[in-house]
Amino acid sequence: MRVFISDRFNQPLKLKRISQKVWEAALKKSDIEDFRWHDLRHTWASWLVQNGVDIYILQELGGWESIEMVKKYGHLAPTHLLSHVSKIDL
């Protein structure tokens, strides 16, 4: 199973398959600036990692070939790391 799959081609969606005009109109209507199509994938991966999904599971879900790419896209927010550090009671 992969996320962001096109039913028609059964391939991961790419911006070239989505009308640039439609994408820009949606961003404008939503009052979103400086946001790329690829940012959706990055946000999705980050949220999953921040919510405890194992990076190897994320690799499979996202279809990445290398774990290095998963680490790049699934970066952690500092607040997420603090929750782990706080497990040590000094």
PDB file of N, CA and C in Angstrom:
ATOM      1  N   MET A   1       0.838  -1.174   0.000  1.00  0.00           N
ATOM      2  CA  MET A   1       0.000   0.000   0.000  1.00  0.00           C
ATOM      3  C   MET A   1       0.887   1.242   0.000  1.00  0.00           C
ATOM      4  N   ARG A   2       0.540   2.197  -0.812  1.00  0.00           N
ATOM      5  CA  ARG A   2       1.260   3.467  -0.847  1.00  0.00           C
ATOM      6  C   ARG A   2       0.264   4.609  -0.736  1.00  0.00           C
ATOM      7  N   VAL A   3       0.766   5.701  -0.270  1.00  0.00           N
ATOM      8  CA  VAL A   3      -0.067   6.895  -0.141  1.00  0.00           C
ATOM      9  C   VAL A   3       0.159   7.773  -1.360  1.00  0.00           C
ATOM     10  N   PHE A   4      -0.849   8.541  -1.728  1.00  0.00           N
ATOM     11  CA  PHE A   4      -0.801   9.415  -2.898  1.00  0.00           C
ATOM     12  C   PHE A   4      -0.680   8.603  -4.188  1.00  0.00           C
ATOM     13  N   ILE A   5      -1.555   7.638  -4.357  1.00  0.00           N
ATOM     14  CA  ILE A   5      -1.537   6.816  -5.571  1.00  0.00           C
ATOM     15  C   ILE A   5      -2.614   7.301  -6.521  1.00  0.00           C
ATOM     16  N   SER A   6      -2.300   7.289  -7.782  1.00  0.00           N
ATOM     17  CA  SER A   6      -3.261   7.632  -8.813  1.00  0.00           C
ATOM     18  C   SER A   6      -3.973   6.356  -9.229  1.00  0.00           C
ATOM     19  N   ASP A   7      -5.289   6.324  -9.144  1.00  0.00           N
ATOM     20  CA  ASP A   7      -6.041   5.134  -9.535  1.00  0.00           C
ATOM     21  C   ASP A   7      -5.841   4.798 -11.011  1.00  0.00           C
ATOM     22  N   ARG A   8      -5.742   5.818 -11.821  1.00  0.00           N
ATOM     23  CA  ARG A   8      -5.650   5.601 -13.262  1.00  0.00           C
ATOM     24  C   ARG A   8      -4.345   4.910 -13.661  1.00  0.00           C
ATOM     25  N   PHE A   9      -3.244   5.313 -13.068  1.00  0.00           N
ATOM     26  CA  PHE A   9      -1.946   4.764 -13.453  1.00  0.00           C
ATOM     27  C   PHE A   9      -1.363   3.816 -12.406  1.00  0.00           C
ATOM     28  N   ASN A  10      -1.984   3.745 -11.227  1.00  0.00           N
ATOM     29  CA  ASN A  10      -1.477   2.954 -10.103  1.00  0.00           C
ATOM     30  C   ASN A  10      -0.012   3.282  -9.807  1.00  0.00           C
ATOM     31  N   GLN A  11       0.318   4.547  -9.943  1.00  0.00           N
ATOM     32  CA  GLN A  11       1.660   5.048  -9.675  1.00  0.00           C
ATOM     33  C   GLN A  11       1.557   6.218  -8.702  1.00  0.00           C
ATOM     34  N   PRO A  12       2.645   6.492  -7.959  1.00  0.00           N
ATOM     35  CA  PRO A  12       2.614   7.672  -7.090  1.00  0.00           C
ATOM     36  C   PRO A  12       2.305   8.922  -7.910  1.00  0.00           C
ATOM     37  N   LEU A  13       1.452   9.764  -7.370  1.00  0.00           N
ATOM     38  CA  LEU A  13       1.090  10.991  -8.072  1.00  0.00           C
ATOM     39  C   LEU A  13       2.299  11.902  -8.210  1.00  0.00           C
ATOM     40  N   LYS A  14       2.374  12.568  -9.327  1.00  0.00           N
ATOM     41  CA  LYS A  14       3.432  13.538  -9.565  1.00  0.00           C
ATOM     42  C   LYS A  14       2.767  14.817 -10.045  1.00  0.00           C
ATOM     43  N   LEU A  15       3.436  15.929  -9.788  1.00  0.00           N
ATOM     44  CA  LEU A  15       2.867  17.215 -10.148  1.00  0.00           C
ATOM     45  C   LEU A  15       2.527  17.291 -11.627  1.00  0.00           C
ATOM     46  N   LYS A  16       3.321  16.655 -12.483  1.00  0.00           N
ATOM     47  CA  LYS A  16       3.049  16.739 -13.913  1.00  0.00           C
ATOM     48  C   LYS A  16       1.719  16.083 -14.283  1.00  0.00           C
ATOM     49  N   ARG A  17       1.187  15.228 -13.397  1.00  0.00           N
ATOM     50  CA  ARG A  17      -0.103  14.605 -13.658  1.00  0.00           C
ATOM     51  C   ARG A  17      -1.260  15.442 -13.105  1.00  0.00           C
ATOM     52  N   ILE A  18      -0.929  16.482 -12.394  1.00  0.00           N
ATOM     53  CA  ILE A  18      -1.944  17.353 -11.816  1.00  0.00           C
ATOM     54  C   ILE A  18      -1.786  18.706 -12.483  1.00  0.00           C
ATOM     55  N   SER A  19      -2.860  19.271 -12.896  1.00  0.00           N
ATOM     56  CA  SER A  19      -2.793  20.559 -13.563  1.00  0.00           C
ATOM     57  C   SER A  19      -2.201  21.613 -12.634  1.00  0.00           C
ATOM     58  N   GLN A  20      -1.168  22.270 -13.100  1.00  0.00           N
ATOM     59  CA  GLN A  20      -0.535  23.338 -12.322  1.00  0.00           C
ATOM     60  C   GLN A  20      -1.553  24.427 -12.009  1.00  0.00           C
ATOM     61  N   LYS A  21      -2.428  24.663 -12.947  1.00  0.00           N
ATOM     62  CA  LYS A  21      -3.453  25.693 -12.761  1.00  0.00           C
ATOM     63  C   LYS A  21      -4.394  25.319 -11.612  1.00  0.00           C
ATOM     64  N   VAL A  22      -4.793  24.056 -11.543  1.00  0.00           N
ATOM     65  CA  VAL A  22      -5.680  23.580 -10.478  1.00  0.00           C
ATOM     66  C   VAL A  22      -4.966  23.665  -9.131  1.00  0.00           C
ATOM     67  N   TRP A  23      -3.707  23.242  -9.095  1.00  0.00           N
ATOM     68  CA  TRP A  23      -2.920  23.283  -7.857  1.00  0.00           C
ATOM     69  C   TRP A  23      -2.805  24.718  -7.338  1.00  0.00           C
ATOM     70  N   GLU A  24      -2.443  25.639  -8.226  1.00  0.00           N
ATOM     71  CA  GLU A  24      -2.284  27.038  -7.825  1.00  0.00           C
ATOM     72  C   GLU A  24      -3.605  27.646  -7.371  1.00  0.00           C
ATOM     73  N   ALA A  25      -4.695  27.281  -8.033  1.00  0.00           N
ATOM     74  CA  ALA A  25      -6.016  27.787  -7.636  1.00  0.00           C
ATOM     75  C   ALA A  25      -6.397  27.285  -6.244  1.00  0.00           C
ATOM     76  N   ALA A  26      -6.096  26.027  -5.961  1.00  0.00           N
ATOM     77  CA  ALA A  26      -6.408  25.458  -4.643  1.00  0.00           C
ATOM     78  C   ALA A  26      -5.598  26.151  -3.549  1.00  0.00           C
ATOM     79  N   LEU A  27      -4.326  26.415  -3.825  1.00  0.00           N
ATOM     80  CA  LEU A  27      -3.490  27.113  -2.849  1.00  0.00           C
ATOM     81  C   LEU A  27      -4.003  28.524  -2.593  1.00  0.00           C
ATOM     82  N   LYS A  28      -4.375  29.207  -3.672  1.00  0.00           N
ATOM     83  CA  LYS A  28      -4.877  30.576  -3.537  1.00  0.00           C
ATOM     84  C   LYS A  28      -6.177  30.593  -2.738  1.00  0.00           C
ATOM     85  N   LYS A  29      -7.082  29.682  -3.059  1.00  0.00           N
ATOM     86  CA  LYS A  29      -8.369  29.614  -2.364  1.00  0.00           C
ATOM     87  C   LYS A  29      -8.177  29.295  -0.879  1.00  0.00           C
ATOM     88  N   SER A  30      -7.159  28.522  -0.575  1.00  0.00           N
ATOM     89  CA  SER A  30      -6.879  28.135   0.811  1.00  0.00           C
ATOM     90  C   SER A  30      -6.005  29.153   1.533  1.00  0.00           C
ATOM     91  N   ASP A  31      -5.604  30.201   0.816  1.00  0.00           N
ATOM     92  CA  ASP A  31      -4.746  31.242   1.389  1.00  0.00           C
ATOM     93  C   ASP A  31      -3.393  30.680   1.830  1.00  0.00           C
ATOM     94  N   ILE A  32      -2.848  29.767   1.017  1.00  0.00           N
ATOM     95  CA  ILE A  32      -1.557  29.138   1.309  1.00  0.00           C
ATOM     96  C   ILE A  32      -0.517  29.687   0.340  1.00  0.00           C
ATOM     97  N   GLU A  33       0.603  30.139   0.890  1.00  0.00           N
ATOM     98  CA  GLU A  33       1.691  30.662   0.065  1.00  0.00           C
ATOM     99  C   GLU A  33       2.932  29.787   0.225  1.00  0.00           C
ATOM    100  N   ASP A  34       3.762  29.795  -0.790  1.00  0.00           N
ATOM    101  CA  ASP A  34       5.057  29.108  -0.743  1.00  0.00           C
ATOM    102  C   ASP A  34       4.915  27.644  -0.325  1.00  0.00           C
ATOM    103  N   PHE A  35       4.072  26.906  -1.039  1.00  0.00           N
ATOM    104  CA  PHE A  35       3.841  25.494  -0.734  1.00  0.00           C
ATOM    105  C   PHE A  35       3.904  24.703  -2.028  1.00  0.00           C
ATOM    106  N   ARG A  36       4.745  23.682  -2.043  1.00  0.00           N
ATOM    107  CA  ARG A  36       4.919  22.868  -3.245  1.00  0.00           C
ATOM    108  C   ARG A  36       4.177  21.543  -3.095  1.00  0.00           C
ATOM    109  N   TRP A  37       3.907  20.920  -4.207  1.00  0.00           N
ATOM    110  CA  TRP A  37       3.238  19.619  -4.211  1.00  0.00           C
ATOM    111  C   TRP A  37       4.004  18.635  -3.334  1.00  0.00           C
ATOM    112  N   HIS A  38       5.321  18.651  -3.447  1.00  0.00           N
ATOM    113  CA  HIS A  38       6.157  17.711  -2.703  1.00  0.00           C
ATOM    114  C   HIS A  38       6.080  17.947  -1.191  1.00  0.00           C
ATOM    115  N   ASP A  39       5.709  19.151  -0.784  1.00  0.00           N
ATOM    116  CA  ASP A  39       5.575  19.446   0.645  1.00  0.00           C
ATOM    117  C   ASP A  39       4.507  18.578   1.302  1.00  0.00           C
ATOM    118  N   LEU A  40       3.517  18.134   0.540  1.00  0.00           N
ATOM    119  CA  LEU A  40       2.484  17.243   1.085  1.00  0.00           C
ATOM    120  C   LEU A  40       3.104  15.925   1.549  1.00  0.00           C
ATOM    121  N   ARG A  41       3.968  15.370   0.729  1.00  0.00           N
ATOM    122  CA  ARG A  41       4.632  14.102   1.068  1.00  0.00           C
ATOM    123  C   ARG A  41       5.545  14.284   2.281  1.00  0.00           C
ATOM    124  N   HIS A  42       6.260  15.386   2.294  1.00  0.00           N
ATOM    125  CA  HIS A  42       7.165  15.685   3.402  1.00  0.00           C
ATOM    126  C   HIS A  42       6.385  15.826   4.716  1.00  0.00           C
ATOM    127  N   THR A  43       5.290  16.549   4.673  1.00  0.00           N
ATOM    128  CA  THR A  43       4.456  16.738   5.864  1.00  0.00           C
ATOM    129  C   THR A  43       3.881  15.411   6.330  1.00  0.00           C
ATOM    130  N   TRP A  44       3.370  14.623   5.395  1.00  0.00           N
ATOM    131  CA  TRP A  44       2.797  13.309   5.709  1.00  0.00           C
ATOM    132  C   TRP A  44       3.835  12.432   6.419  1.00  0.00           C
ATOM    133  N   ALA A  45       5.045  12.370   5.865  1.00  0.00           N
ATOM    134  CA  ALA A  45       6.102  11.542   6.454  1.00  0.00           C
ATOM    135  C   ALA A  45       6.496  12.056   7.840  1.00  0.00           C
ATOM    136  N   SER A  46       6.618  13.357   7.973  1.00  0.00           N
ATOM    137  CA  SER A  46       6.993  13.940   9.266  1.00  0.00           C
ATOM    138  C   SER A  46       5.954  13.641  10.330  1.00  0.00           C
ATOM    139  N   TRP A  47       4.687  13.791   9.988  1.00  0.00           N
ATOM    140  CA  TRP A  47       3.614  13.524  10.955  1.00  0.00           C
ATOM    141  C   TRP A  47       3.617  12.069  11.402  1.00  0.00           C
ATOM    142  N   LEU A  48       3.839  11.149  10.467  1.00  0.00           N
ATOM    143  CA  LEU A  48       3.861   9.736  10.836  1.00  0.00           C
ATOM    144  C   LEU A  48       5.006   9.432  11.796  1.00  0.00           C
ATOM    145  N   VAL A  49       6.197   9.944  11.496  1.00  0.00           N
ATOM    146  CA  VAL A  49       7.343   9.706  12.375  1.00  0.00           C
ATOM    147  C   VAL A  49       7.100  10.335  13.741  1.00  0.00           C
ATOM    148  N   GLN A  50       6.568  11.542  13.766  1.00  0.00           N
ATOM    149  CA  GLN A  50       6.306  12.236  15.029  1.00  0.00           C
ATOM    150  C   GLN A  50       5.253  11.515  15.867  1.00  0.00           C
ATOM    151  N   ASN A  51       4.442  10.702  15.220  1.00  0.00           N
ATOM    152  CA  ASN A  51       3.415   9.951  15.941  1.00  0.00           C
ATOM    153  C   ASN A  51       3.805   8.497  16.177  1.00  0.00           C
ATOM    154  N   GLY A  52       5.102   8.211  16.059  1.00  0.00           N
ATOM    155  CA  GLY A  52       5.614   6.916  16.464  1.00  0.00           C
ATOM    156  C   GLY A  52       5.677   5.831  15.408  1.00  0.00           C
ATOM    157  N   VAL A  53       5.408   6.149  14.148  1.00  0.00           N
ATOM    158  CA  VAL A  53       5.504   5.134  13.100  1.00  0.00           C
ATOM    159  C   VAL A  53       6.983   4.847  12.840  1.00  0.00           C
ATOM    160  N   ASP A  54       7.345   3.584  12.855  1.00  0.00           N
ATOM    161  CA  ASP A  54       8.713   3.146  12.613  1.00  0.00           C
ATOM    162  C   ASP A  54       9.164   3.588  11.221  1.00  0.00           C
ATOM    163  N   ILE A  55      10.422   4.033  11.099  1.00  0.00           N
ATOM    164  CA  ILE A  55      10.883   4.540   9.803  1.00  0.00           C
ATOM    165  C   ILE A  55      10.932   3.459   8.725  1.00  0.00           C
ATOM    166  N   TYR A  56      11.051   2.196   9.115  1.00  0.00           N
ATOM    167  CA  TYR A  56      11.043   1.121   8.118  1.00  0.00           C
ATOM    168  C   TYR A  56       9.622   0.883   7.590  1.00  0.00           C
ATOM    169  N   ILE A  57       8.628   1.076   8.449  1.00  0.00           N
ATOM    170  CA  ILE A  57       7.231   1.004   8.005  1.00  0.00           C
ATOM    171  C   ILE A  57       6.948   2.181   7.079  1.00  0.00           C
ATOM    172  N   LEU A  58       7.424   3.368   7.472  1.00  0.00           N
ATOM    173  CA  LEU A  58       7.242   4.561   6.645  1.00  0.00           C
ATOM    174  C   LEU A  58       7.896   4.372   5.278  1.00  0.00           C
ATOM    175  N   GLN A  59       9.065   3.749   5.258  1.00  0.00           N
ATOM    176  CA  GLN A  59       9.754   3.485   3.993  1.00  0.00           C
ATOM    177  C   GLN A  59       8.870   2.660   3.064  1.00  0.00           C
ATOM    178  N   GLU A  60       8.236   1.648   3.613  1.00  0.00           N
ATOM    179  CA  GLU A  60       7.361   0.792   2.812  1.00  0.00           C
ATOM    180  C   GLU A  60       6.112   1.549   2.361  1.00  0.00           C
ATOM    181  N   LEU A  61       5.511   2.297   3.268  1.00  0.00           N
ATOM    182  CA  LEU A  61       4.308   3.063   2.928  1.00  0.00           C
ATOM    183  C   LEU A  61       4.577   4.100   1.841  1.00  0.00           C
ATOM    184  N   GLY A  62       5.728   4.768   1.955  1.00  0.00           N
ATOM    185  CA  GLY A  62       6.049   5.834   1.013  1.00  0.00           C
ATOM    186  C   GLY A  62       6.742   5.371  -0.248  1.00  0.00           C
ATOM    187  N   GLY A  63       7.172   4.115  -0.267  1.00  0.00           N
ATOM    188  CA  GLY A  63       7.812   3.580  -1.464  1.00  0.00           C
ATOM    189  C   GLY A  63       9.239   4.055  -1.677  1.00  0.00           C
ATOM    190  N   TRP A  64       9.913   4.480  -0.613  1.00  0.00           N
ATOM    191  CA  TRP A  64      11.299   4.909  -0.742  1.00  0.00           C
ATOM    192  C   TRP A  64      12.200   3.689  -0.876  1.00  0.00           C
ATOM    193  N   GLU A  65      13.214   3.785  -1.719  1.00  0.00           N
ATOM    194  CA  GLU A  65      14.142   2.675  -1.911  1.00  0.00           C
ATOM    195  C   GLU A  65      15.186   2.600  -0.804  1.00  0.00           C
ATOM    196  N   SER A  66      15.578   3.739  -0.255  1.00  0.00           N
ATOM    197  CA  SER A  66      16.619   3.727   0.778  1.00  0.00           C
ATOM    198  C   SER A  66      16.110   4.361   2.066  1.00  0.00           C
ATOM    199  N   ILE A  67      16.624   3.872   3.174  1.00  0.00           N
ATOM    200  CA  ILE A  67      16.250   4.414   4.480  1.00  0.00           C
ATOM    201  C   ILE A  67      16.804   5.829   4.640  1.00  0.00           C
ATOM    202  N   GLU A  68      17.882   6.152   3.918  1.00  0.00           N
ATOM    203  CA  GLU A  68      18.452   7.499   3.971  1.00  0.00           C
ATOM    204  C   GLU A  68      17.441   8.534   3.489  1.00  0.00           C
ATOM    205  N   MET A  69      16.680   8.198   2.455  1.00  0.00           N
ATOM    206  CA  MET A  69      15.655   9.122   1.961  1.00  0.00           C
ATOM    207  C   MET A  69      14.543   9.291   2.984  1.00  0.00           C
ATOM    208  N   VAL A  70      14.188   8.229   3.665  1.00  0.00           N
ATOM    209  CA  VAL A  70      13.137   8.308   4.685  1.00  0.00           C
ATOM    210  C   VAL A  70      13.587   9.240   5.803  1.00  0.00           C
ATOM    211  N   LYS A  71      14.832   9.119   6.195  1.00  0.00           N
ATOM    212  CA  LYS A  71      15.360   9.983   7.252  1.00  0.00           C
ATOM    213  C   LYS A  71      15.329  11.446   6.822  1.00  0.00           C
ATOM    214  N   LYS A  72      15.554  11.693   5.553  1.00  0.00           N
ATOM    215  CA  LYS A  72      15.547  13.060   5.037  1.00  0.00           C
ATOM    216  C   LYS A  72      14.134  13.653   5.085  1.00  0.00           C
ATOM    217  N   TYR A  73      13.155  12.881   4.668  1.00  0.00           N
ATOM    218  CA  TYR A  73      11.786  13.387   4.609  1.00  0.00           C
ATOM    219  C   TYR A  73      11.062  13.291   5.940  1.00  0.00           C
ATOM    220  N   GLY A  74      11.398  12.314   6.733  1.00  0.00           N
ATOM    221  CA  GLY A  74      10.684  12.098   7.982  1.00  0.00           C
ATOM    222  C   GLY A  74      11.398  12.683   9.181  1.00  0.00           C
ATOM    223  N   HIS A  75      11.908  13.898   9.039  1.00  0.00           N
ATOM    224  CA  HIS A  75      12.638  14.507  10.156  1.00  0.00           C
ATOM    225  C   HIS A  75      11.713  14.739  11.349  1.00  0.00           C
ATOM    226  N   LEU A  76      12.311  14.815  12.492  1.00  0.00           N
ATOM    227  CA  LEU A  76      11.542  14.986  13.723  1.00  0.00           C
ATOM    228  C   LEU A  76      11.576  16.430  14.184  1.00  0.00           C
ATOM    229  N   ALA A  77      10.484  16.871  14.758  1.00  0.00           N
ATOM    230  CA  ALA A  77      10.427  18.200  15.361  1.00  0.00           C
ATOM    231  C   ALA A  77      11.078  18.132  16.737  1.00  0.00           C
ATOM    232  N   PRO A  78      11.761  19.182  17.158  1.00  0.00           N
ATOM    233  CA  PRO A  78      12.418  19.176  18.470  1.00  0.00           C
ATOM    234  C   PRO A  78      11.456  18.868  19.618  1.00  0.00           C
ATOM    235  N   THR A  79      10.218  19.292  19.521  1.00  0.00           N
ATOM    236  CA  THR A  79       9.267  19.021  20.603  1.00  0.00           C
ATOM    237  C   THR A  79       8.991  17.533  20.723  1.00  0.00           C
ATOM    238  N   HIS A  80       9.036  16.822  19.621  1.00  0.00           N
ATOM    239  CA  HIS A  80       8.835  15.382  19.646  1.00  0.00           C
ATOM    240  C   HIS A  80       9.997  14.702  20.381  1.00  0.00           C
ATOM    241  N   LEU A  81      11.191  15.170  20.149  1.00  0.00           N
ATOM    242  CA  LEU A  81      12.361  14.596  20.811  1.00  0.00           C
ATOM    243  C   LEU A  81      12.315  14.839  22.315  1.00  0.00           C
ATOM    244  N   LEU A  82      11.798  15.981  22.723  1.00  0.00           N
ATOM    245  CA  LEU A  82      11.708  16.295  24.150  1.00  0.00           C
ATOM    246  C   LEU A  82      10.848  15.289  24.899  1.00  0.00           C
ATOM    247  N   SER A  83       9.819  14.774  24.250  1.00  0.00           N
ATOM    248  CA  SER A  83       8.954  13.805  24.924  1.00  0.00           C
ATOM    249  C   SER A  83       9.719  12.527  25.276  1.00  0.00           C
ATOM    250  N   HIS A  84      10.725  12.188  24.493  1.00  0.00           N
ATOM    251  CA  HIS A  84      11.535  11.005  24.781  1.00  0.00           C
ATOM    252  C   HIS A  84      12.561  11.293  25.875  1.00  0.00           C
ATOM    253  N   VAL A  85      13.155  12.460  25.841  1.00  0.00           N
ATOM    254  CA  VAL A  85      14.146  12.837  26.848  1.00  0.00           C
ATOM    255  C   VAL A  85      13.495  12.926  28.224  1.00  0.00           C
ATOM    256  N   SER A  86      12.258  13.378  28.264  1.00  0.00           N
ATOM    257  CA  SER A  86      11.573  13.558  29.548  1.00  0.00           C
ATOM    258  C   SER A  86      11.259  12.232  30.243  1.00  0.00           C
ATOM    259  N   LYS A  87      11.500  11.110  29.582  1.00  0.00           N
ATOM    260  CA  LYS A  87      11.253   9.802  30.192  1.00  0.00           C
ATOM    261  C   LYS A  87      12.261   9.496  31.300  1.00  0.00           C
ATOM    262  N   ILE A  88      13.376  10.214  31.293  1.00  0.00           N
ATOM    263  CA  ILE A  88      14.385  10.035  32.339  1.00  0.00           C
ATOM    264  C   ILE A  88      14.069  11.016  33.457  1.00  0.00           C
ATOM    265  N   ASP A  89      13.811  10.487  34.612  1.00  0.00           N
ATOM    266  CA  ASP A  89      13.484  11.323  35.770  1.00  0.00           C
ATOM    267  C   ASP A  89      14.745  11.522  36.597  1.00  0.00           C
ATOM    268  N   LEU A  90      15.298  12.721  36.532  1.00  0.00           N
ATOM    269  CA  LEU A  90      16.540  13.008  37.273  1.00  0.00           C
ATOM    270  C   LEU A  90      16.252  13.592  38.631  1.00  0.00           C
TER     271      LEU A  90
END
